[in-house]
Amino acid sequence: MAVKVLIPTPLRQFTGKQESIECGARTVGEALGDLTANFAELRKHLYTDEGEIRSFVNVYLNDKDIRFLDKENTRTKDGDTISIVPSIAGGSPNSTND
């Protein structure tokens, strides 16, 4: 089953600047496992030392947050798209919208 994993710009340096990766996977976890097996440096940016997806990393299957589905056990089908979206904090507490 071919699924596409979209790589966010800040993490592309760990995938040879590739915007997306296609892999065969039956679940989101298998797809992410395949991705990090092929690009080992990426693993520490996606997973904790305990093997959990980092709290600031959001993963979507076809625009649905996997936290509200079956998490990494969420089943995939041919043609699905997995998006990795790191949360970004920013802004200044003193900024104004003048």
PDB file of N, CA and C in Angstrom:
ATOM      1  N   MET A   1       0.833  -1.166   0.000  1.00  0.00           N
ATOM      2  CA  MET A   1       0.000   0.000   0.000  1.00  0.00           C
ATOM      3  C   MET A   1       0.888   1.243   0.000  1.00  0.00           C
ATOM      4  N   ALA A   2       0.759   2.100  -0.964  1.00  0.00           N
ATOM      5  CA  ALA A   2       1.608   3.291  -1.032  1.00  0.00           C
ATOM      6  C   ALA A   2       0.920   4.482  -0.373  1.00  0.00           C
ATOM      7  N   VAL A   3       1.608   5.046   0.611  1.00  0.00           N
ATOM      8  CA  VAL A   3       1.149   6.277   1.236  1.00  0.00           C
ATOM      9  C   VAL A   3       2.241   7.321   1.085  1.00  0.00           C
ATOM     10  N   LYS A   4       1.831   8.569   1.085  1.00  0.00           N
ATOM     11  CA  LYS A   4       2.781   9.673   0.967  1.00  0.00           C
ATOM     12  C   LYS A   4       2.908  10.340   2.321  1.00  0.00           C
ATOM     13  N   VAL A   5       4.143  10.560   2.753  1.00  0.00           N
ATOM     14  CA  VAL A   5       4.412  11.279   4.001  1.00  0.00           C
ATOM     15  C   VAL A   5       4.992  12.633   3.614  1.00  0.00           C
ATOM     16  N   LEU A   6       4.286  13.700   3.984  1.00  0.00           N
ATOM     17  CA  LEU A   6       4.750  15.052   3.699  1.00  0.00           C
ATOM     18  C   LEU A   6       5.717  15.498   4.796  1.00  0.00           C
ATOM     19  N   ILE A   7       6.863  16.010   4.378  1.00  0.00           N
ATOM     20  CA  ILE A   7       7.916  16.420   5.310  1.00  0.00           C
ATOM     21  C   ILE A   7       7.875  17.948   5.438  1.00  0.00           C
ATOM     22  N   PRO A   8       7.710  18.474   6.656  1.00  0.00           N
ATOM     23  CA  PRO A   8       7.699  19.929   6.821  1.00  0.00           C
ATOM     24  C   PRO A   8       9.077  20.521   6.546  1.00  0.00           C
ATOM     25  N   THR A   9       9.098  21.745   6.095  1.00  0.00           N
ATOM     26  CA  THR A   9      10.339  22.421   5.718  1.00  0.00           C
ATOM     27  C   THR A   9      11.435  22.318   6.775  1.00  0.00           C
ATOM     28  N   PRO A  10      11.156  22.550   8.076  1.00  0.00           N
ATOM     29  CA  PRO A  10      12.253  22.482   9.051  1.00  0.00           C
ATOM     30  C   PRO A  10      12.897  21.102   9.179  1.00  0.00           C
ATOM     31  N   LEU A  11      12.206  20.045   8.771  1.00  0.00           N
ATOM     32  CA  LEU A  11      12.744  18.692   8.914  1.00  0.00           C
ATOM     33  C   LEU A  11      13.328  18.135   7.621  1.00  0.00           C
ATOM     34  N   ARG A  12      13.216  18.865   6.538  1.00  0.00           N
ATOM     35  CA  ARG A  12      13.719  18.368   5.246  1.00  0.00           C
ATOM     36  C   ARG A  12      15.229  18.208   5.217  1.00  0.00           C
ATOM     37  N   GLN A  13      15.925  18.929   6.070  1.00  0.00           N
ATOM     38  CA  GLN A  13      17.387  18.779   6.114  1.00  0.00           C
ATOM     39  C   GLN A  13      17.787  17.369   6.521  1.00  0.00           C
ATOM     40  N   PHE A  14      16.866  16.630   7.144  1.00  0.00           N
ATOM     41  CA  PHE A  14      17.148  15.265   7.585  1.00  0.00           C
ATOM     42  C   PHE A  14      16.683  14.221   6.575  1.00  0.00           C
ATOM     43  N   THR A  15      16.030  14.666   5.493  1.00  0.00           N
ATOM     44  CA  THR A  15      15.539  13.739   4.463  1.00  0.00           C
ATOM     45  C   THR A  15      16.135  14.055   3.095  1.00  0.00           C
ATOM     46  N   GLY A  16      17.303  14.648   3.095  1.00  0.00           N
ATOM     47  CA  GLY A  16      17.921  14.997   1.821  1.00  0.00           C
ATOM     48  C   GLY A  16      17.130  16.045   1.057  1.00  0.00           C
ATOM     49  N   LYS A  17      16.460  16.933   1.800  1.00  0.00           N
ATOM     50  CA  LYS A  17      15.670  18.038   1.257  1.00  0.00           C
ATOM     51  C   LYS A  17      14.425  17.577   0.491  1.00  0.00           C
ATOM     52  N   GLN A  18      14.022  16.336   0.699  1.00  0.00           N
ATOM     53  CA  GLN A  18      12.825  15.825   0.034  1.00  0.00           C
ATOM     54  C   GLN A  18      11.567  16.388   0.694  1.00  0.00           C
ATOM     55  N   GLU A  19      10.600  16.793  -0.121  1.00  0.00           N
ATOM     56  CA  GLU A  19       9.338  17.344   0.372  1.00  0.00           C
ATOM     57  C   GLU A  19       8.388  16.255   0.831  1.00  0.00           C
ATOM     58  N   SER A  20       8.530  15.077   0.250  1.00  0.00           N
ATOM     59  CA  SER A  20       7.659  13.964   0.626  1.00  0.00           C
ATOM     60  C   SER A  20       8.372  12.652   0.349  1.00  0.00           C
ATOM     61  N   ILE A  21       7.884  11.620   1.022  1.00  0.00           N
ATOM     62  CA  ILE A  21       8.428  10.278   0.885  1.00  0.00           C
ATOM     63  C   ILE A  21       7.245   9.337   0.651  1.00  0.00           C
ATOM     64  N   GLU A  22       7.365   8.419  -0.274  1.00  0.00           N
ATOM     65  CA  GLU A  22       6.333   7.403  -0.459  1.00  0.00           C
ATOM     66  C   GLU A  22       6.835   6.104   0.151  1.00  0.00           C
ATOM     67  N   CYS A  23       5.934   5.423   0.823  1.00  0.00           N
ATOM     68  CA  CYS A  23       6.313   4.152   1.429  1.00  0.00           C
ATOM     69  C   CYS A  23       5.100   3.234   1.485  1.00  0.00           C
ATOM     70  N   GLY A  24       5.381   1.979   1.676  1.00  0.00           N
ATOM     71  CA  GLY A  24       4.313   1.012   1.845  1.00  0.00           C
ATOM     72  C   GLY A  24       4.056   0.833   3.329  1.00  0.00           C
ATOM     73  N   ALA A  25       2.841   1.084   3.758  1.00  0.00           N
ATOM     74  CA  ALA A  25       2.537   0.979   5.182  1.00  0.00           C
ATOM     75  C   ALA A  25       1.054   0.705   5.380  1.00  0.00           C
ATOM     76  N   ARG A  26       0.756  -0.140   6.360  1.00  0.00           N
ATOM     77  CA  ARG A  26      -0.645  -0.439   6.692  1.00  0.00           C
ATOM     78  C   ARG A  26      -1.180   0.470   7.781  1.00  0.00           C
ATOM     79  N   THR A  27      -0.261   1.131   8.519  1.00  0.00           N
ATOM     80  CA  THR A  27      -0.660   2.051   9.584  1.00  0.00           C
ATOM     81  C   THR A  27       0.219   3.296   9.540  1.00  0.00           C
ATOM     82  N   VAL A  28      -0.232   4.319  10.237  1.00  0.00           N
ATOM     83  CA  VAL A  28       0.564   5.535  10.352  1.00  0.00           C
ATOM     84  C   VAL A  28       1.894   5.217  11.036  1.00  0.00           C
ATOM     85  N   GLY A  29       1.861   4.389  12.066  1.00  0.00           N
ATOM     86  CA  GLY A  29       3.080   4.018  12.778  1.00  0.00           C
ATOM     87  C   GLY A  29       4.089   3.325  11.879  1.00  0.00           C
ATOM     88  N   GLU A  30       3.606   2.445  11.002  1.00  0.00           N
ATOM     89  CA  GLU A  30       4.512   1.775  10.065  1.00  0.00           C
ATOM     90  C   GLU A  30       5.147   2.789   9.119  1.00  0.00           C
ATOM     91  N   ALA A  31       4.364   3.749   8.654  1.00  0.00           N
ATOM     92  CA  ALA A  31       4.895   4.764   7.740  1.00  0.00           C
ATOM     93  C   ALA A  31       5.968   5.609   8.431  1.00  0.00           C
ATOM     94  N   LEU A  32       5.692   6.025   9.663  1.00  0.00           N
ATOM     95  CA  LEU A  32       6.677   6.817  10.395  1.00  0.00           C
ATOM     96  C   LEU A  32       7.899   5.979  10.742  1.00  0.00           C
ATOM     97  N   GLY A  33       7.682   4.702  11.036  1.00  0.00           N
ATOM     98  CA  GLY A  33       8.795   3.798  11.306  1.00  0.00           C
ATOM     99  C   GLY A  33       9.685   3.621  10.093  1.00  0.00           C
ATOM    100  N   ASP A  34       9.070   3.484   8.925  1.00  0.00           N
ATOM    101  CA  ASP A  34       9.820   3.363   7.676  1.00  0.00           C
ATOM    102  C   ASP A  34      10.611   4.640   7.411  1.00  0.00           C
ATOM    103  N   LEU A  35       9.955   5.770   7.634  1.00  0.00           N
ATOM    104  CA  LEU A  35      10.609   7.067   7.426  1.00  0.00           C
ATOM    105  C   LEU A  35      11.832   7.211   8.321  1.00  0.00           C
ATOM    106  N   THR A  36      11.691   6.907   9.608  1.00  0.00           N
ATOM    107  CA  THR A  36      12.816   7.084  10.525  1.00  0.00           C
ATOM    108  C   THR A  36      13.868   5.988  10.376  1.00  0.00           C
ATOM    109  N   ALA A  37      13.491   4.851   9.821  1.00  0.00           N
ATOM    110  CA  ALA A  37      14.493   3.813   9.536  1.00  0.00           C
ATOM    111  C   ALA A  37      15.393   4.257   8.387  1.00  0.00           C
ATOM    112  N   ASN A  38      14.808   4.951   7.422  1.00  0.00           N
ATOM    113  CA  ASN A  38      15.577   5.422   6.269  1.00  0.00           C
ATOM    114  C   ASN A  38      16.316   6.724   6.547  1.00  0.00           C
ATOM    115  N   PHE A  39      15.819   7.495   7.497  1.00  0.00           N
ATOM    116  CA  PHE A  39      16.422   8.788   7.843  1.00  0.00           C
ATOM    117  C   PHE A  39      16.558   8.851   9.360  1.00  0.00           C
ATOM    118  N   ALA A  40      17.575   8.189   9.879  1.00  0.00           N
ATOM    119  CA  ALA A  40      17.750   8.001  11.320  1.00  0.00           C
ATOM    120  C   ALA A  40      17.819   9.312  12.103  1.00  0.00           C
ATOM    121  N   GLU A  41      18.412  10.342  11.543  1.00  0.00           N
ATOM    122  CA  GLU A  41      18.530  11.627  12.241  1.00  0.00           C
ATOM    123  C   GLU A  41      17.161  12.250  12.506  1.00  0.00           C
ATOM    124  N   LEU A  42      16.187  11.884  11.728  1.00  0.00           N
ATOM    125  CA  LEU A  42      14.844  12.428  11.883  1.00  0.00           C
ATOM    126  C   LEU A  42      14.155  11.901  13.138  1.00  0.00           C
ATOM    127  N   ARG A  43      14.517  10.705  13.549  1.00  0.00           N
ATOM    128  CA  ARG A  43      13.843  10.045  14.677  1.00  0.00           C
ATOM    129  C   ARG A  43      13.813  10.901  15.942  1.00  0.00           C
ATOM    130  N   LYS A  44      14.946  11.491  16.304  1.00  0.00           N
ATOM    131  CA  LYS A  44      14.995  12.260  17.551  1.00  0.00           C
ATOM    132  C   LYS A  44      14.130  13.524  17.498  1.00  0.00           C
ATOM    133  N   HIS A  45      13.771  13.950  16.305  1.00  0.00           N
ATOM    134  CA  HIS A  45      12.915  15.129  16.170  1.00  0.00           C
ATOM    135  C   HIS A  45      11.436  14.764  16.221  1.00  0.00           C
ATOM    136  N   LEU A  46      11.126  13.505  15.986  1.00  0.00           N
ATOM    137  CA  LEU A  46       9.737  13.058  15.989  1.00  0.00           C
ATOM    138  C   LEU A  46       9.351  12.296  17.252  1.00  0.00           C
ATOM    139  N   TYR A  47      10.318  11.563  17.837  1.00  0.00           N
ATOM    140  CA  TYR A  47      10.021  10.668  18.957  1.00  0.00           C
ATOM    141  C   TYR A  47      10.818  11.014  20.204  1.00  0.00           C
ATOM    142  N   THR A  48      10.220  10.716  21.354  1.00  0.00           N
ATOM    143  CA  THR A  48      10.930  10.835  22.636  1.00  0.00           C
ATOM    144  C   THR A  48      11.846   9.618  22.790  1.00  0.00           C
ATOM    145  N   ASP A  49      12.667   9.622  23.820  1.00  0.00           N
ATOM    146  CA  ASP A  49      13.530   8.477  24.106  1.00  0.00           C
ATOM    147  C   ASP A  49      12.715   7.228  24.432  1.00  0.00           C
ATOM    148  N   GLU A  50      11.474   7.427  24.881  1.00  0.00           N
ATOM    149  CA  GLU A  50      10.589   6.316  25.214  1.00  0.00           C
ATOM    150  C   GLU A  50       9.836   5.773  24.002  1.00  0.00           C
ATOM    151  N   GLY A  51      10.049   6.394  22.832  1.00  0.00           N
ATOM    152  CA  GLY A  51       9.412   5.918  21.616  1.00  0.00           C
ATOM    153  C   GLY A  51       8.037   6.496  21.339  1.00  0.00           C
ATOM    154  N   GLU A  52       7.663   7.537  22.069  1.00  0.00           N
ATOM    155  CA  GLU A  52       6.370   8.197  21.863  1.00  0.00           C
ATOM    156  C   GLU A  52       6.559   9.380  20.903  1.00  0.00           C
ATOM    157  N   ILE A  53       5.520   9.661  20.099  1.00  0.00           N
ATOM    158  CA  ILE A  53       5.578  10.861  19.258  1.00  0.00           C
ATOM    159  C   ILE A  53       5.654  12.065  20.190  1.00  0.00           C
ATOM    160  N   ARG A  54       6.573  12.968  19.914  1.00  0.00           N
ATOM    161  CA  ARG A  54       6.757  14.144  20.764  1.00  0.00           C
ATOM    162  C   ARG A  54       5.453  14.955  20.828  1.00  0.00           C
ATOM    163  N   SER A  55       5.215  15.560  21.973  1.00  0.00           N
ATOM    164  CA  SER A  55       3.958  16.281  22.197  1.00  0.00           C
ATOM    165  C   SER A  55       3.780  17.469  21.256  1.00  0.00           C
ATOM    166  N   PHE A  56       4.863  18.035  20.766  1.00  0.00           N
ATOM    167  CA  PHE A  56       4.746  19.188  19.874  1.00  0.00           C
ATOM    168  C   PHE A  56       4.715  18.794  18.395  1.00  0.00           C
ATOM    169  N   VAL A  57       4.690  17.502  18.118  1.00  0.00           N
ATOM    170  CA  VAL A  57       4.602  17.025  16.742  1.00  0.00           C
ATOM    171  C   VAL A  57       3.177  16.528  16.500  1.00  0.00           C
ATOM    172  N   ASN A  58       2.502  17.157  15.559  1.00  0.00           N
ATOM    173  CA  ASN A  58       1.148  16.756  15.191  1.00  0.00           C
ATOM    174  C   ASN A  58       1.226  15.927  13.919  1.00  0.00           C
ATOM    175  N   VAL A  59       0.472  14.847  13.879  1.00  0.00           N
ATOM    176  CA  VAL A  59       0.465  13.974  12.708  1.00  0.00           C
ATOM    177  C   VAL A  59      -0.970  13.850  12.228  1.00  0.00           C
ATOM    178  N   TYR A  60      -1.152  14.048  10.932  1.00  0.00           N
ATOM    179  CA  TYR A  60      -2.475  14.000  10.325  1.00  0.00           C
ATOM    180  C   TYR A  60      -2.511  12.939   9.237  1.00  0.00           C
ATOM    181  N   LEU A  61      -3.616  12.246   9.149  1.00  0.00           N
ATOM    182  CA  LEU A  61      -3.876  11.330   8.045  1.00  0.00           C
ATOM    183  C   LEU A  61      -5.015  11.934   7.257  1.00  0.00           C
ATOM    184  N   ASN A  62      -4.711  12.368   6.035  1.00  0.00           N
ATOM    185  CA  ASN A  62      -5.726  13.010   5.192  1.00  0.00           C
ATOM    186  C   ASN A  62      -6.464  14.114   5.952  1.00  0.00           C
ATOM    187  N   ASP A  63      -5.735  14.986   6.596  1.00  0.00           N
ATOM    188  CA  ASP A  63      -6.263  16.143   7.321  1.00  0.00           C
ATOM    189  C   ASP A  63      -6.985  15.816   8.615  1.00  0.00           C
ATOM    190  N   LYS A  64      -6.894  14.575   9.098  1.00  0.00           N
ATOM    191  CA  LYS A  64      -7.495  14.211  10.385  1.00  0.00           C
ATOM    192  C   LYS A  64      -6.379  13.919  11.377  1.00  0.00           C
ATOM    193  N   ASP A  65      -6.442  14.571  12.525  1.00  0.00           N
ATOM    194  CA  ASP A  65      -5.440  14.409  13.567  1.00  0.00           C
ATOM    195  C   ASP A  65      -5.508  12.979  14.102  1.00  0.00           C
ATOM    196  N   ILE A  66      -4.379  12.266  14.046  1.00  0.00           N
ATOM    197  CA  ILE A  66      -4.391  10.859  14.470  1.00  0.00           C
ATOM    198  C   ILE A  66      -4.644  10.708  15.969  1.00  0.00           C
ATOM    199  N   ARG A  67      -4.476  11.784  16.755  1.00  0.00           N
ATOM    200  CA  ARG A  67      -4.777  11.711  18.193  1.00  0.00           C
ATOM    201  C   ARG A  67      -6.260  11.448  18.421  1.00  0.00           C
ATOM    202  N   PHE A  68      -7.104  11.819  17.452  1.00  0.00           N
ATOM    203  CA  PHE A  68      -8.539  11.626  17.573  1.00  0.00           C
ATOM    204  C   PHE A  68      -9.006  10.406  16.780  1.00  0.00           C
ATOM    205  N   LEU A  69      -8.055   9.685  16.207  1.00  0.00           N
ATOM    206  CA  LEU A  69      -8.361   8.439  15.504  1.00  0.00           C
ATOM    207  C   LEU A  69      -7.811   7.302  16.357  1.00  0.00           C
ATOM    208  N   ASP A  70      -6.947   6.489  15.791  1.00  0.00           N
ATOM    209  CA  ASP A  70      -6.373   5.365  16.537  1.00  0.00           C
ATOM    210  C   ASP A  70      -4.865   5.572  16.727  1.00  0.00           C
ATOM    211  N   LYS A  71      -4.479   6.839  16.842  1.00  0.00           N
ATOM    212  CA  LYS A  71      -3.078   7.234  17.016  1.00  0.00           C
ATOM    213  C   LYS A  71      -2.193   6.547  15.979  1.00  0.00           C
ATOM    214  N   GLU A  72      -1.054   5.996  16.384  1.00  0.00           N
ATOM    215  CA  GLU A  72      -0.143   5.372  15.422  1.00  0.00           C
ATOM    216  C   GLU A  72      -0.712   4.093  14.820  1.00  0.00           C
ATOM    217  N   ASN A  73      -1.722   3.542  15.433  1.00  0.00           N
ATOM    218  CA  ASN A  73      -2.359   2.333  14.899  1.00  0.00           C
ATOM    219  C   ASN A  73      -3.418   2.649  13.843  1.00  0.00           C
ATOM    220  N   THR A  74      -3.580   3.915  13.514  1.00  0.00           N
ATOM    221  CA  THR A  74      -4.556   4.316  12.502  1.00  0.00           C
ATOM    222  C   THR A  74      -4.208   3.653  11.176  1.00  0.00           C
ATOM    223  N   ARG A  75      -5.164   2.944  10.616  1.00  0.00           N
ATOM    224  CA  ARG A  75      -4.966   2.217   9.356  1.00  0.00           C
ATOM    225  C   ARG A  75      -4.864   3.188   8.187  1.00  0.00           C
ATOM    226  N   THR A  76      -4.015   2.832   7.241  1.00  0.00           N
ATOM    227  CA  THR A  76      -3.875   3.618   6.015  1.00  0.00           C
ATOM    228  C   THR A  76      -4.365   2.784   4.840  1.00  0.00           C
ATOM    229  N   LYS A  77      -4.638   3.483   3.747  1.00  0.00           N
ATOM    230  CA  LYS A  77      -4.987   2.800   2.512  1.00  0.00           C
ATOM    231  C   LYS A  77      -4.213   3.453   1.369  1.00  0.00           C
ATOM    232  N   ASP A  78      -4.157   2.754   0.277  1.00  0.00           N
ATOM    233  CA  ASP A  78      -3.418   3.229  -0.884  1.00  0.00           C
ATOM    234  C   ASP A  78      -3.843   4.648  -1.249  1.00  0.00           C
ATOM    235  N   GLY A  79      -2.865   5.525  -1.406  1.00  0.00           N
ATOM    236  CA  GLY A  79      -3.136   6.907  -1.798  1.00  0.00           C
ATOM    237  C   GLY A  79      -3.307   7.877  -0.645  1.00  0.00           C
ATOM    238  N   ASP A  80      -3.285   7.398   0.590  1.00  0.00           N
ATOM    239  CA  ASP A  80      -3.411   8.294   1.744  1.00  0.00           C
ATOM    240  C   ASP A  80      -2.198   9.208   1.853  1.00  0.00           C
ATOM    241  N   THR A  81      -2.407  10.343   2.534  1.00  0.00           N
ATOM    242  CA  THR A  81      -1.330  11.290   2.788  1.00  0.00           C
ATOM    243  C   THR A  81      -1.202  11.506   4.289  1.00  0.00           C
ATOM    244  N   ILE A  82       0.015  11.379   4.771  1.00  0.00           N
ATOM    245  CA  ILE A  82       0.330  11.642   6.177  1.00  0.00           C
ATOM    246  C   ILE A  82       1.114  12.945   6.230  1.00  0.00           C
ATOM    247  N   SER A  83       0.658  13.861   7.072  1.00  0.00           N
ATOM    248  CA  SER A  83       1.342  15.143   7.236  1.00  0.00           C
ATOM    249  C   SER A  83       1.934  15.222   8.630  1.00  0.00           C
ATOM    250  N   ILE A  84       3.182  15.629   8.695  1.00  0.00           N
ATOM    251  CA  ILE A  84       3.861  15.869   9.974  1.00  0.00           C
ATOM    252  C   ILE A  84       3.905  17.378  10.151  1.00  0.00           C
ATOM    253  N   VAL A  85       3.329  17.856  11.260  1.00  0.00           N
ATOM    254  CA  VAL A  85       3.247  19.294  11.486  1.00  0.00           C
ATOM    255  C   VAL A  85       3.775  19.619  12.879  1.00  0.00           C
ATOM    256  N   PRO A  86       5.023  20.093  12.958  1.00  0.00           N
ATOM    257  CA  PRO A  86       5.541  20.484  14.272  1.00  0.00           C
ATOM    258  C   PRO A  86       4.836  21.762  14.740  1.00  0.00           C
ATOM    259  N   SER A  87       4.476  21.801  16.023  1.00  0.00           N
ATOM    260  CA  SER A  87       3.884  23.020  16.585  1.00  0.00           C
ATOM    261  C   SER A  87       4.964  24.083  16.640  1.00  0.00           C
ATOM    262  N   ILE A  88       4.560  25.293  16.366  1.00  0.00           N
ATOM    263  CA  ILE A  88       5.514  26.398  16.383  1.00  0.00           C
ATOM    264  C   ILE A  88       5.003  27.439  17.366  1.00  0.00           C
ATOM    265  N   ALA A  89       5.827  27.754  18.325  1.00  0.00           N
ATOM    266  CA  ALA A  89       5.492  28.805  19.284  1.00  0.00           C
ATOM    267  C   ALA A  89       6.202  30.069  18.840  1.00  0.00           C
ATOM    268  N   GLY A  90       5.643  31.165  19.175  1.00  0.00           N
ATOM    269  CA  GLY A  90       6.316  32.394  18.800  1.00  0.00           C
ATOM    270  C   GLY A  90       5.514  33.602  19.207  1.00  0.00           C
ATOM    271  N   GLY A  91       5.998  34.710  18.774  1.00  0.00           N
ATOM    272  CA  GLY A  91       5.343  35.961  19.124  1.00  0.00           C
ATOM    273  C   GLY A  91       5.940  36.525  20.394  1.00  0.00           C
ATOM    274  N   SER A  92       5.676  37.736  20.614  1.00  0.00           N
ATOM    275  CA  SER A  92       6.184  38.425  21.786  1.00  0.00           C
ATOM    276  C   SER A  92       5.014  38.821  22.673  1.00  0.00           C
ATOM    277  N   PRO A  93       5.138  38.625  23.961  1.00  0.00           N
ATOM    278  CA  PRO A  93       4.035  39.015  24.827  1.00  0.00           C
ATOM    279  C   PRO A  93       3.781  40.525  24.805  1.00  0.00           C
ATOM    280  N   ASN A  94       4.739  41.295  24.317  1.00  0.00           N
ATOM    281  CA  ASN A  94       4.603  42.748  24.262  1.00  0.00           C
ATOM    282  C   ASN A  94       4.223  43.245  22.887  1.00  0.00           C
ATOM    283  N   SER A  95       3.973  42.337  21.915  1.00  0.00           N
ATOM    284  CA  SER A  95       3.660  42.780  20.568  1.00  0.00           C
ATOM    285  C   SER A  95       2.234  43.303  20.507  1.00  0.00           C
ATOM    286  N   THR A  96       2.001  44.194  19.577  1.00  0.00           N
ATOM    287  CA  THR A  96       0.657  44.742  19.368  1.00  0.00           C
ATOM    288  C   THR A  96       0.298  44.613  17.922  1.00  0.00           C
ATOM    289  N   ASN A  97      -0.947  44.672  17.642  1.00  0.00           N
ATOM    290  CA  ASN A  97      -1.426  44.591  16.267  1.00  0.00           C
ATOM    291  C   ASN A  97      -1.911  45.970  15.829  1.00  0.00           C
ATOM    292  N   ASP A  98      -1.019  46.917  15.774  1.00  0.00           N
ATOM    293  CA  ASP A  98      -1.388  48.282  15.391  1.00  0.00           C
ATOM    294  C   ASP A  98      -1.616  48.390  13.929  1.00  0.00           C
TER     295      ASP A  98
END
